[in-house]
Amino acid sequence: MKGNCWRIGKICRNLVLYYANSTQYCSKVRRTGKKMMSAENKHIGKKKKELVLILVILAVSALLYAGTRIIFSKPPMRVEISVDGTVIETLDLNKDTELTVEGWNDGTNHVVIKDGTVHVTEASCPDKVCVNQGTIRRTGEAIICLPNRMIARITGGE
């Protein structure tokens, strides 16, 4: 008899839990007017949202890339060298030139224009980022020396 009572108690407990869960489900359906999603359906919905987000990011990236290609499509013609925001020199990229630029606070940068490219060979700045940057050759590219406040930017033809 004792074993039967235990089984009946277990069955009753399971029925109560089932009823409680179903009433929560039904009351939620009545309140919201929507059926609850199973864990599987939630996972699928989340994947769809992630896929849409990835596609939107790719589309925006493609538009930005195409826009920059169109904006900077002019052939490189000149290099503008400015110190502390004022243009001090505009040089033709087709002529090989070497120039020492007096920067801010008596700093210097040695700028070389050769074969349509621009690079800085020497600088008085401590970190030498402008020297290590290498050569630039496309419209819109720039070499920037922050300690000397020097910017060498390639501009296109008009």
N, C-alpha and C. Protein backbone atom coordinates (compact mmCIF):
# COMPACT_ATOMS: atom_id res chain seq x y z
N MET A 1 0.81 -1.18 0.00
CA MET A 1 0.00 0.00 0.00
C MET A 1 0.86 1.25 0.00
N LYS A 2 1.97 1.19 0.76
CA LYS A 2 2.85 2.34 0.86
C LYS A 2 3.44 2.68 -0.50
N GLY A 3 3.82 1.70 -1.31
CA GLY A 3 4.39 1.94 -2.63
C GLY A 3 3.39 2.55 -3.58
N ASN A 4 2.11 2.12 -3.49
CA ASN A 4 1.07 2.67 -4.36
C ASN A 4 0.82 4.14 -4.06
N CYS A 5 0.82 4.51 -2.78
CA CYS A 5 0.61 5.92 -2.41
C CYS A 5 1.73 6.79 -2.97
N TRP A 6 2.93 6.26 -2.93
CA TRP A 6 4.07 7.02 -3.45
C TRP A 6 3.91 7.26 -4.95
N ARG A 7 3.48 6.20 -5.69
CA ARG A 7 3.26 6.34 -7.13
C ARG A 7 2.12 7.31 -7.43
N ILE A 8 1.05 7.20 -6.67
CA ILE A 8 -0.09 8.11 -6.87
C ILE A 8 0.34 9.55 -6.59
N GLY A 9 1.13 9.75 -5.56
CA GLY A 9 1.63 11.09 -5.22
C GLY A 9 2.50 11.66 -6.34
N LYS A 10 3.32 10.79 -6.91
CA LYS A 10 4.19 11.22 -8.01
C LYS A 10 3.36 11.59 -9.23
N ILE A 11 2.35 10.80 -9.55
CA ILE A 11 1.47 11.08 -10.68
C ILE A 11 0.73 12.39 -10.44
N CYS A 12 0.22 12.57 -9.23
CA CYS A 12 -0.51 13.81 -8.91
C CYS A 12 0.41 15.04 -9.04
N ARG A 13 1.64 14.91 -8.57
CA ARG A 13 2.59 16.01 -8.67
C ARG A 13 2.87 16.35 -10.12
N ASN A 14 3.06 15.33 -10.96
CA ASN A 14 3.30 15.56 -12.38
C ASN A 14 2.10 16.22 -13.05
N LEU A 15 0.88 15.79 -12.67
CA LEU A 15 -0.32 16.41 -13.22
C LEU A 15 -0.42 17.88 -12.81
N VAL A 16 -0.09 18.16 -11.55
CA VAL A 16 -0.14 19.55 -11.06
C VAL A 16 0.87 20.41 -11.82
N LEU A 17 2.08 19.89 -12.01
CA LEU A 17 3.09 20.65 -12.75
C LEU A 17 2.67 20.86 -14.20
N TYR A 18 2.11 19.83 -14.82
CA TYR A 18 1.64 19.94 -16.20
C TYR A 18 0.53 20.99 -16.28
N TYR A 19 -0.40 20.93 -15.31
CA TYR A 19 -1.51 21.89 -15.31
C TYR A 19 -0.98 23.31 -15.09
N ALA A 20 -0.06 23.47 -14.17
CA ALA A 20 0.50 24.80 -13.89
C ALA A 20 1.18 25.36 -15.13
N ASN A 21 1.97 24.52 -15.80
CA ASN A 21 2.65 24.97 -17.02
C ASN A 21 1.66 25.32 -18.12
N SER A 22 0.62 24.50 -18.27
CA SER A 22 -0.34 24.77 -19.34
C SER A 22 -1.17 26.00 -19.03
N THR A 23 -1.47 26.27 -17.76
CA THR A 23 -2.24 27.47 -17.44
C THR A 23 -1.37 28.72 -17.63
N GLN A 24 -0.08 28.62 -17.32
CA GLN A 24 0.81 29.75 -17.59
C GLN A 24 0.86 30.01 -19.08
N TYR A 25 0.96 28.95 -19.87
CA TYR A 25 0.99 29.08 -21.32
C TYR A 25 -0.31 29.69 -21.82
N CYS A 26 -1.43 29.18 -21.34
CA CYS A 26 -2.72 29.69 -21.80
C CYS A 26 -2.95 31.12 -21.36
N SER A 27 -2.57 31.46 -20.13
CA SER A 27 -2.77 32.84 -19.68
C SER A 27 -1.87 33.79 -20.46
N LYS A 28 -0.68 33.36 -20.80
CA LYS A 28 0.21 34.21 -21.59
C LYS A 28 -0.36 34.39 -22.99
N VAL A 29 -0.92 33.32 -23.56
CA VAL A 29 -1.52 33.42 -24.89
C VAL A 29 -2.71 34.38 -24.84
N ARG A 30 -3.51 34.30 -23.75
CA ARG A 30 -4.67 35.19 -23.63
C ARG A 30 -4.21 36.64 -23.46
N ARG A 31 -3.17 36.88 -22.68
CA ARG A 31 -2.70 38.24 -22.42
C ARG A 31 -2.10 38.88 -23.66
N THR A 32 -1.21 38.16 -24.34
CA THR A 32 -0.48 38.75 -25.47
C THR A 32 -1.14 38.50 -26.80
N GLY A 33 -1.94 37.49 -26.88
CA GLY A 33 -2.55 37.15 -28.15
C GLY A 33 -1.60 36.41 -29.07
N LYS A 34 -0.43 36.06 -28.56
CA LYS A 34 0.56 35.34 -29.36
C LYS A 34 0.88 34.03 -28.68
N LYS A 35 1.23 33.05 -29.47
CA LYS A 35 1.66 31.78 -28.91
C LYS A 35 3.11 31.90 -28.50
N MET A 36 3.46 31.18 -27.43
CA MET A 36 4.86 31.18 -27.00
C MET A 36 5.67 30.37 -27.99
N MET A 37 6.88 30.83 -28.24
CA MET A 37 7.76 30.12 -29.18
C MET A 37 8.55 29.08 -28.41
N SER A 38 8.79 27.99 -29.05
CA SER A 38 9.64 26.98 -28.43
C SER A 38 11.09 27.44 -28.52
N ALA A 39 11.97 26.78 -27.80
CA ALA A 39 13.38 27.16 -27.81
C ALA A 39 13.97 27.02 -29.20
N GLU A 40 13.52 26.01 -29.95
CA GLU A 40 14.01 25.81 -31.31
C GLU A 40 13.61 26.97 -32.22
N ASN A 41 12.35 27.41 -32.12
CA ASN A 41 11.88 28.51 -32.95
C ASN A 41 12.58 29.82 -32.59
N LYS A 42 12.85 30.03 -31.30
CA LYS A 42 13.58 31.23 -30.89
C LYS A 42 14.97 31.23 -31.49
N HIS A 43 15.61 30.07 -31.50
CA HIS A 43 16.96 29.96 -32.04
C HIS A 43 16.97 30.26 -33.55
N ILE A 44 15.97 29.76 -34.26
CA ILE A 44 15.88 30.01 -35.71
C ILE A 44 15.63 31.49 -35.97
N GLY A 45 14.75 32.11 -35.18
CA GLY A 45 14.47 33.54 -35.34
C GLY A 45 15.71 34.38 -35.07
N LYS A 46 16.50 33.97 -34.10
CA LYS A 46 17.73 34.69 -33.78
C LYS A 46 18.73 34.58 -34.93
N LYS A 47 18.83 33.39 -35.53
CA LYS A 47 19.74 33.21 -36.66
C LYS A 47 19.33 34.07 -37.85
N LYS A 48 18.02 34.18 -38.09
CA LYS A 48 17.55 35.01 -39.20
C LYS A 48 17.90 36.46 -38.97
N LYS A 49 17.73 36.94 -37.75
CA LYS A 49 18.08 38.33 -37.43
C LYS A 49 19.57 38.57 -37.60
N GLU A 50 20.39 37.63 -37.18
CA GLU A 50 21.84 37.77 -37.34
C GLU A 50 22.22 37.79 -38.81
N LEU A 51 21.58 36.96 -39.61
CA LEU A 51 21.85 36.92 -41.04
C LEU A 51 21.48 38.25 -41.70
N VAL A 52 20.33 38.80 -41.33
CA VAL A 52 19.92 40.10 -41.88
C VAL A 52 20.91 41.19 -41.48
N LEU A 53 21.37 41.17 -40.23
CA LEU A 53 22.35 42.16 -39.77
C LEU A 53 23.65 42.05 -40.54
N ILE A 54 24.11 40.84 -40.78
CA ILE A 54 25.35 40.64 -41.54
C ILE A 54 25.18 41.15 -42.97
N LEU A 55 24.04 40.87 -43.59
CA LEU A 55 23.80 41.34 -44.95
C LEU A 55 23.74 42.86 -45.02
N VAL A 56 23.14 43.50 -44.03
CA VAL A 56 23.09 44.97 -44.00
C VAL A 56 24.49 45.55 -43.85
N ILE A 57 25.30 44.96 -42.98
CA ILE A 57 26.67 45.45 -42.80
C ILE A 57 27.47 45.28 -44.08
N LEU A 58 27.32 44.15 -44.76
CA LEU A 58 28.03 43.95 -46.03
C LEU A 58 27.58 44.94 -47.09
N ALA A 59 26.29 45.24 -47.16
CA ALA A 59 25.78 46.19 -48.15
C ALA A 59 26.32 47.59 -47.88
N VAL A 60 26.33 48.01 -46.63
CA VAL A 60 26.86 49.34 -46.29
C VAL A 60 28.35 49.41 -46.59
N SER A 61 29.08 48.34 -46.29
CA SER A 61 30.52 48.31 -46.59
C SER A 61 30.77 48.42 -48.09
N ALA A 62 29.99 47.71 -48.88
CA ALA A 62 30.15 47.77 -50.34
C ALA A 62 29.86 49.17 -50.86
N LEU A 63 28.82 49.82 -50.34
CA LEU A 63 28.51 51.19 -50.76
C LEU A 63 29.62 52.17 -50.38
N LEU A 64 30.15 52.03 -49.17
CA LEU A 64 31.25 52.91 -48.75
C LEU A 64 32.50 52.68 -49.60
N TYR A 65 32.80 51.44 -49.91
CA TYR A 65 33.96 51.14 -50.74
C TYR A 65 33.79 51.73 -52.14
N ALA A 66 32.60 51.55 -52.72
CA ALA A 66 32.35 52.10 -54.06
C ALA A 66 32.41 53.62 -54.04
N GLY A 67 31.89 54.24 -52.98
CA GLY A 67 31.93 55.69 -52.86
C GLY A 67 33.35 56.23 -52.79
N THR A 68 34.21 55.57 -52.01
CA THR A 68 35.59 56.05 -51.92
C THR A 68 36.34 55.83 -53.23
N ARG A 69 36.03 54.75 -53.92
CA ARG A 69 36.68 54.53 -55.23
C ARG A 69 36.27 55.60 -56.23
N ILE A 70 35.02 56.05 -56.18
CA ILE A 70 34.56 57.09 -57.09
C ILE A 70 35.16 58.44 -56.71
N ILE A 71 35.17 58.75 -55.41
CA ILE A 71 35.69 60.05 -54.96
C ILE A 71 37.18 60.17 -55.26
N PHE A 72 37.93 59.12 -55.01
CA PHE A 72 39.38 59.17 -55.19
C PHE A 72 39.82 58.60 -56.54
N SER A 73 38.95 58.65 -57.54
CA SER A 73 39.29 58.07 -58.84
C SER A 73 40.10 59.02 -59.72
N LYS A 74 40.23 60.28 -59.32
CA LYS A 74 41.02 61.21 -60.11
C LYS A 74 42.48 60.78 -60.08
N PRO A 75 43.20 60.93 -61.18
CA PRO A 75 44.60 60.56 -61.17
C PRO A 75 45.41 61.51 -60.29
N PRO A 76 46.39 60.98 -59.57
CA PRO A 76 47.20 61.84 -58.72
C PRO A 76 48.03 62.81 -59.56
N MET A 77 48.01 64.09 -59.18
CA MET A 77 48.72 65.11 -59.94
C MET A 77 49.72 65.88 -59.07
N ARG A 78 49.32 66.22 -57.85
CA ARG A 78 50.12 67.09 -57.01
C ARG A 78 50.21 66.54 -55.60
N VAL A 79 51.18 67.07 -54.86
CA VAL A 79 51.26 66.79 -53.44
C VAL A 79 51.25 68.14 -52.72
N GLU A 80 50.36 68.26 -51.76
CA GLU A 80 50.28 69.47 -50.93
C GLU A 80 50.97 69.20 -49.62
N ILE A 81 51.89 70.05 -49.27
CA ILE A 81 52.61 69.91 -48.01
C ILE A 81 52.18 71.07 -47.12
N SER A 82 51.65 70.72 -45.96
CA SER A 82 51.19 71.75 -45.03
C SER A 82 51.83 71.54 -43.67
N VAL A 83 52.03 72.67 -42.99
CA VAL A 83 52.58 72.65 -41.64
C VAL A 83 51.62 73.43 -40.76
N ASP A 84 51.18 72.82 -39.70
CA ASP A 84 50.27 73.43 -38.73
C ASP A 84 48.99 73.94 -39.40
N GLY A 85 48.51 73.23 -40.42
CA GLY A 85 47.25 73.54 -41.07
C GLY A 85 47.33 74.50 -42.25
N THR A 86 48.48 75.09 -42.52
CA THR A 86 48.60 76.00 -43.66
C THR A 86 49.45 75.35 -44.74
N VAL A 87 48.97 75.41 -45.98
CA VAL A 87 49.69 74.81 -47.11
C VAL A 87 50.91 75.69 -47.41
N ILE A 88 52.09 75.09 -47.33
CA ILE A 88 53.31 75.86 -47.59
C ILE A 88 53.91 75.55 -48.96
N GLU A 89 53.54 74.40 -49.52
CA GLU A 89 54.14 74.00 -50.80
C GLU A 89 53.17 73.08 -51.54
N THR A 90 53.03 73.31 -52.85
CA THR A 90 52.28 72.41 -53.73
C THR A 90 53.20 72.02 -54.86
N LEU A 91 53.51 70.72 -54.95
CA LEU A 91 54.51 70.24 -55.91
C LEU A 91 53.88 69.26 -56.89
N ASP A 92 54.42 69.23 -58.10
CA ASP A 92 53.96 68.33 -59.15
C ASP A 92 54.57 66.94 -58.92
N LEU A 93 53.75 65.89 -59.03
CA LEU A 93 54.24 64.52 -58.81
C LEU A 93 55.07 64.02 -59.98
N ASN A 94 54.95 64.64 -61.14
CA ASN A 94 55.70 64.18 -62.30
C ASN A 94 57.16 64.65 -62.29
N LYS A 95 57.50 65.60 -61.44
CA LYS A 95 58.87 66.09 -61.34
C LYS A 95 59.52 65.53 -60.07
N ASP A 96 60.67 64.89 -60.25
CA ASP A 96 61.40 64.37 -59.08
C ASP A 96 61.98 65.54 -58.29
N THR A 97 61.67 65.57 -56.99
CA THR A 97 62.06 66.68 -56.14
C THR A 97 62.42 66.17 -54.76
N GLU A 98 63.36 66.86 -54.13
CA GLU A 98 63.66 66.63 -52.72
C GLU A 98 63.49 67.95 -52.00
N LEU A 99 62.88 67.91 -50.83
CA LEU A 99 62.53 69.13 -50.12
C LEU A 99 62.67 68.90 -48.62
N THR A 100 63.27 69.85 -47.93
CA THR A 100 63.32 69.80 -46.47
C THR A 100 62.29 70.77 -45.94
N VAL A 101 61.34 70.25 -45.19
CA VAL A 101 60.22 71.04 -44.68
C VAL A 101 60.51 71.41 -43.24
N GLU A 102 60.46 72.72 -42.96
CA GLU A 102 60.62 73.19 -41.58
C GLU A 102 59.28 73.06 -40.88
N GLY A 103 59.22 72.20 -39.91
CA GLY A 103 57.97 71.94 -39.21
C GLY A 103 57.80 72.81 -37.99
N TRP A 104 56.84 72.46 -37.18
CA TRP A 104 56.53 73.19 -35.96
C TRP A 104 57.63 72.96 -34.93
N ASN A 105 57.96 73.98 -34.17
CA ASN A 105 58.96 73.89 -33.09
C ASN A 105 60.33 73.48 -33.62
N ASP A 106 60.70 74.03 -34.77
CA ASP A 106 62.01 73.80 -35.42
C ASP A 106 62.26 72.35 -35.81
N GLY A 107 61.22 71.58 -36.01
CA GLY A 107 61.37 70.21 -36.49
C GLY A 107 61.50 70.20 -38.00
N THR A 108 62.15 69.17 -38.55
CA THR A 108 62.33 69.08 -40.00
C THR A 108 61.91 67.71 -40.51
N ASN A 109 61.43 67.70 -41.76
CA ASN A 109 61.10 66.48 -42.47
C ASN A 109 61.69 66.59 -43.87
N HIS A 110 62.38 65.54 -44.30
CA HIS A 110 62.95 65.51 -45.65
C HIS A 110 62.00 64.71 -46.53
N VAL A 111 61.31 65.42 -47.46
CA VAL A 111 60.30 64.80 -48.33
C VAL A 111 60.91 64.58 -49.70
N VAL A 112 60.71 63.37 -50.24
CA VAL A 112 61.25 63.02 -51.56
C VAL A 112 60.08 62.65 -52.48
N ILE A 113 60.05 63.28 -53.67
CA ILE A 113 59.08 62.93 -54.70
C ILE A 113 59.87 62.29 -55.84
N LYS A 114 59.53 61.02 -56.13
CA LYS A 114 60.27 60.30 -57.16
C LYS A 114 59.33 59.32 -57.85
N ASP A 115 59.30 59.36 -59.18
CA ASP A 115 58.50 58.46 -60.01
C ASP A 115 57.01 58.47 -59.62
N GLY A 116 56.49 59.63 -59.27
CA GLY A 116 55.07 59.75 -58.94
C GLY A 116 54.71 59.28 -57.54
N THR A 117 55.70 59.02 -56.70
CA THR A 117 55.45 58.61 -55.32
C THR A 117 56.07 59.62 -54.37
N VAL A 118 55.58 59.63 -53.14
CA VAL A 118 56.08 60.56 -52.12
C VAL A 118 56.45 59.74 -50.89
N HIS A 119 57.59 60.06 -50.30
CA HIS A 119 57.94 59.45 -49.02
C HIS A 119 58.84 60.40 -48.22
N VAL A 120 58.89 60.18 -46.92
CA VAL A 120 59.74 60.97 -46.02
C VAL A 120 60.93 60.11 -45.69
N THR A 121 62.14 60.63 -45.96
CA THR A 121 63.35 59.84 -45.72
C THR A 121 63.96 60.13 -44.36
N GLU A 122 63.84 61.37 -43.89
CA GLU A 122 64.40 61.73 -42.58
C GLU A 122 63.44 62.65 -41.87
N ALA A 123 63.44 62.54 -40.53
CA ALA A 123 62.59 63.42 -39.72
C ALA A 123 63.25 63.62 -38.36
N SER A 124 63.00 64.79 -37.78
CA SER A 124 63.59 65.09 -36.48
C SER A 124 62.70 64.63 -35.33
N CYS A 125 61.56 64.05 -35.63
CA CYS A 125 60.64 63.60 -34.58
C CYS A 125 61.20 62.35 -33.90
N PRO A 126 60.83 62.12 -32.64
CA PRO A 126 61.40 60.98 -31.91
C PRO A 126 60.88 59.61 -32.36
N ASP A 127 59.65 59.51 -32.83
CA ASP A 127 59.08 58.19 -33.12
C ASP A 127 59.26 57.73 -34.56
N LYS A 128 59.51 58.64 -35.50
CA LYS A 128 59.79 58.34 -36.92
C LYS A 128 58.66 57.54 -37.60
N VAL A 129 57.42 57.77 -37.20
CA VAL A 129 56.29 57.10 -37.84
C VAL A 129 56.16 57.53 -39.29
N CYS A 130 56.41 58.81 -39.55
CA CYS A 130 56.29 59.32 -40.92
C CYS A 130 57.33 58.68 -41.85
N VAL A 131 58.51 58.39 -41.32
CA VAL A 131 59.56 57.74 -42.13
C VAL A 131 59.19 56.28 -42.38
N ASN A 132 58.69 55.61 -41.36
CA ASN A 132 58.37 54.19 -41.46
C ASN A 132 57.08 53.92 -42.22
N GLN A 133 56.29 54.95 -42.52
CA GLN A 133 55.03 54.75 -43.23
C GLN A 133 55.24 54.27 -44.65
N GLY A 134 56.34 54.66 -45.26
CA GLY A 134 56.60 54.22 -46.62
C GLY A 134 56.14 55.23 -47.64
N THR A 135 55.91 54.75 -48.87
CA THR A 135 55.55 55.66 -49.96
C THR A 135 54.04 55.71 -50.15
N ILE A 136 53.60 56.86 -50.66
CA ILE A 136 52.19 57.02 -51.03
C ILE A 136 52.14 57.36 -52.51
N ARG A 137 51.07 56.92 -53.19
CA ARG A 137 50.99 57.15 -54.64
C ARG A 137 49.59 57.42 -55.14
N ARG A 138 48.55 57.24 -54.32
CA ARG A 138 47.16 57.40 -54.78
C ARG A 138 46.56 58.69 -54.24
N THR A 139 45.56 59.18 -54.97
CA THR A 139 44.85 60.38 -54.56
C THR A 139 44.19 60.15 -53.21
N GLY A 140 44.36 61.11 -52.30
CA GLY A 140 43.75 61.01 -50.98
C GLY A 140 44.67 60.45 -49.92
N GLU A 141 45.76 59.80 -50.30
CA GLU A 141 46.69 59.27 -49.30
C GLU A 141 47.51 60.40 -48.71
N ALA A 142 48.00 60.19 -47.49
CA ALA A 142 48.75 61.24 -46.81
C ALA A 142 49.82 60.65 -45.90
N ILE A 143 50.88 61.40 -45.73
CA ILE A 143 51.90 61.09 -44.73
C ILE A 143 51.77 62.18 -43.68
N ILE A 144 51.66 61.78 -42.43
CA ILE A 144 51.43 62.74 -41.35
C ILE A 144 52.51 62.59 -40.29
N CYS A 145 53.13 63.70 -39.92
CA CYS A 145 54.09 63.73 -38.83
C CYS A 145 53.49 64.60 -37.73
N LEU A 146 53.00 63.98 -36.68
CA LEU A 146 52.33 64.72 -35.62
C LEU A 146 53.26 65.62 -34.82
N PRO A 147 54.45 65.16 -34.40
CA PRO A 147 55.31 66.06 -33.62
C PRO A 147 55.71 67.33 -34.39
N ASN A 148 55.91 67.21 -35.70
CA ASN A 148 56.30 68.38 -36.51
C ASN A 148 55.09 69.05 -37.16
N ARG A 149 53.91 68.49 -36.98
CA ARG A 149 52.66 69.01 -37.54
C ARG A 149 52.74 69.19 -39.06
N MET A 150 53.36 68.21 -39.72
CA MET A 150 53.52 68.25 -41.18
C MET A 150 52.61 67.20 -41.80
N ILE A 151 51.93 67.60 -42.89
CA ILE A 151 51.07 66.69 -43.64
C ILE A 151 51.45 66.80 -45.11
N ALA A 152 51.74 65.65 -45.75
CA ALA A 152 51.97 65.61 -47.20
C ALA A 152 50.82 64.79 -47.77
N ARG A 153 49.92 65.46 -48.52
CA ARG A 153 48.71 64.81 -49.04
C ARG A 153 48.70 64.88 -50.57
N ILE A 154 48.38 63.75 -51.21
CA ILE A 154 48.29 63.70 -52.66
C ILE A 154 46.89 64.14 -53.08
N THR A 155 46.84 65.06 -54.05
CA THR A 155 45.55 65.54 -54.56
C THR A 155 45.47 65.23 -56.05
N GLY A 156 44.24 65.11 -56.53
CA GLY A 156 44.00 64.77 -57.93
C GLY A 156 43.90 66.01 -58.81
N GLY A 157 43.85 65.77 -60.10
CA GLY A 157 43.69 66.86 -61.06
C GLY A 157 42.28 67.38 -61.07
N GLU A 158 42.11 68.60 -61.53
CA GLU A 158 40.77 69.21 -61.55
C GLU A 158 40.23 69.27 -62.94
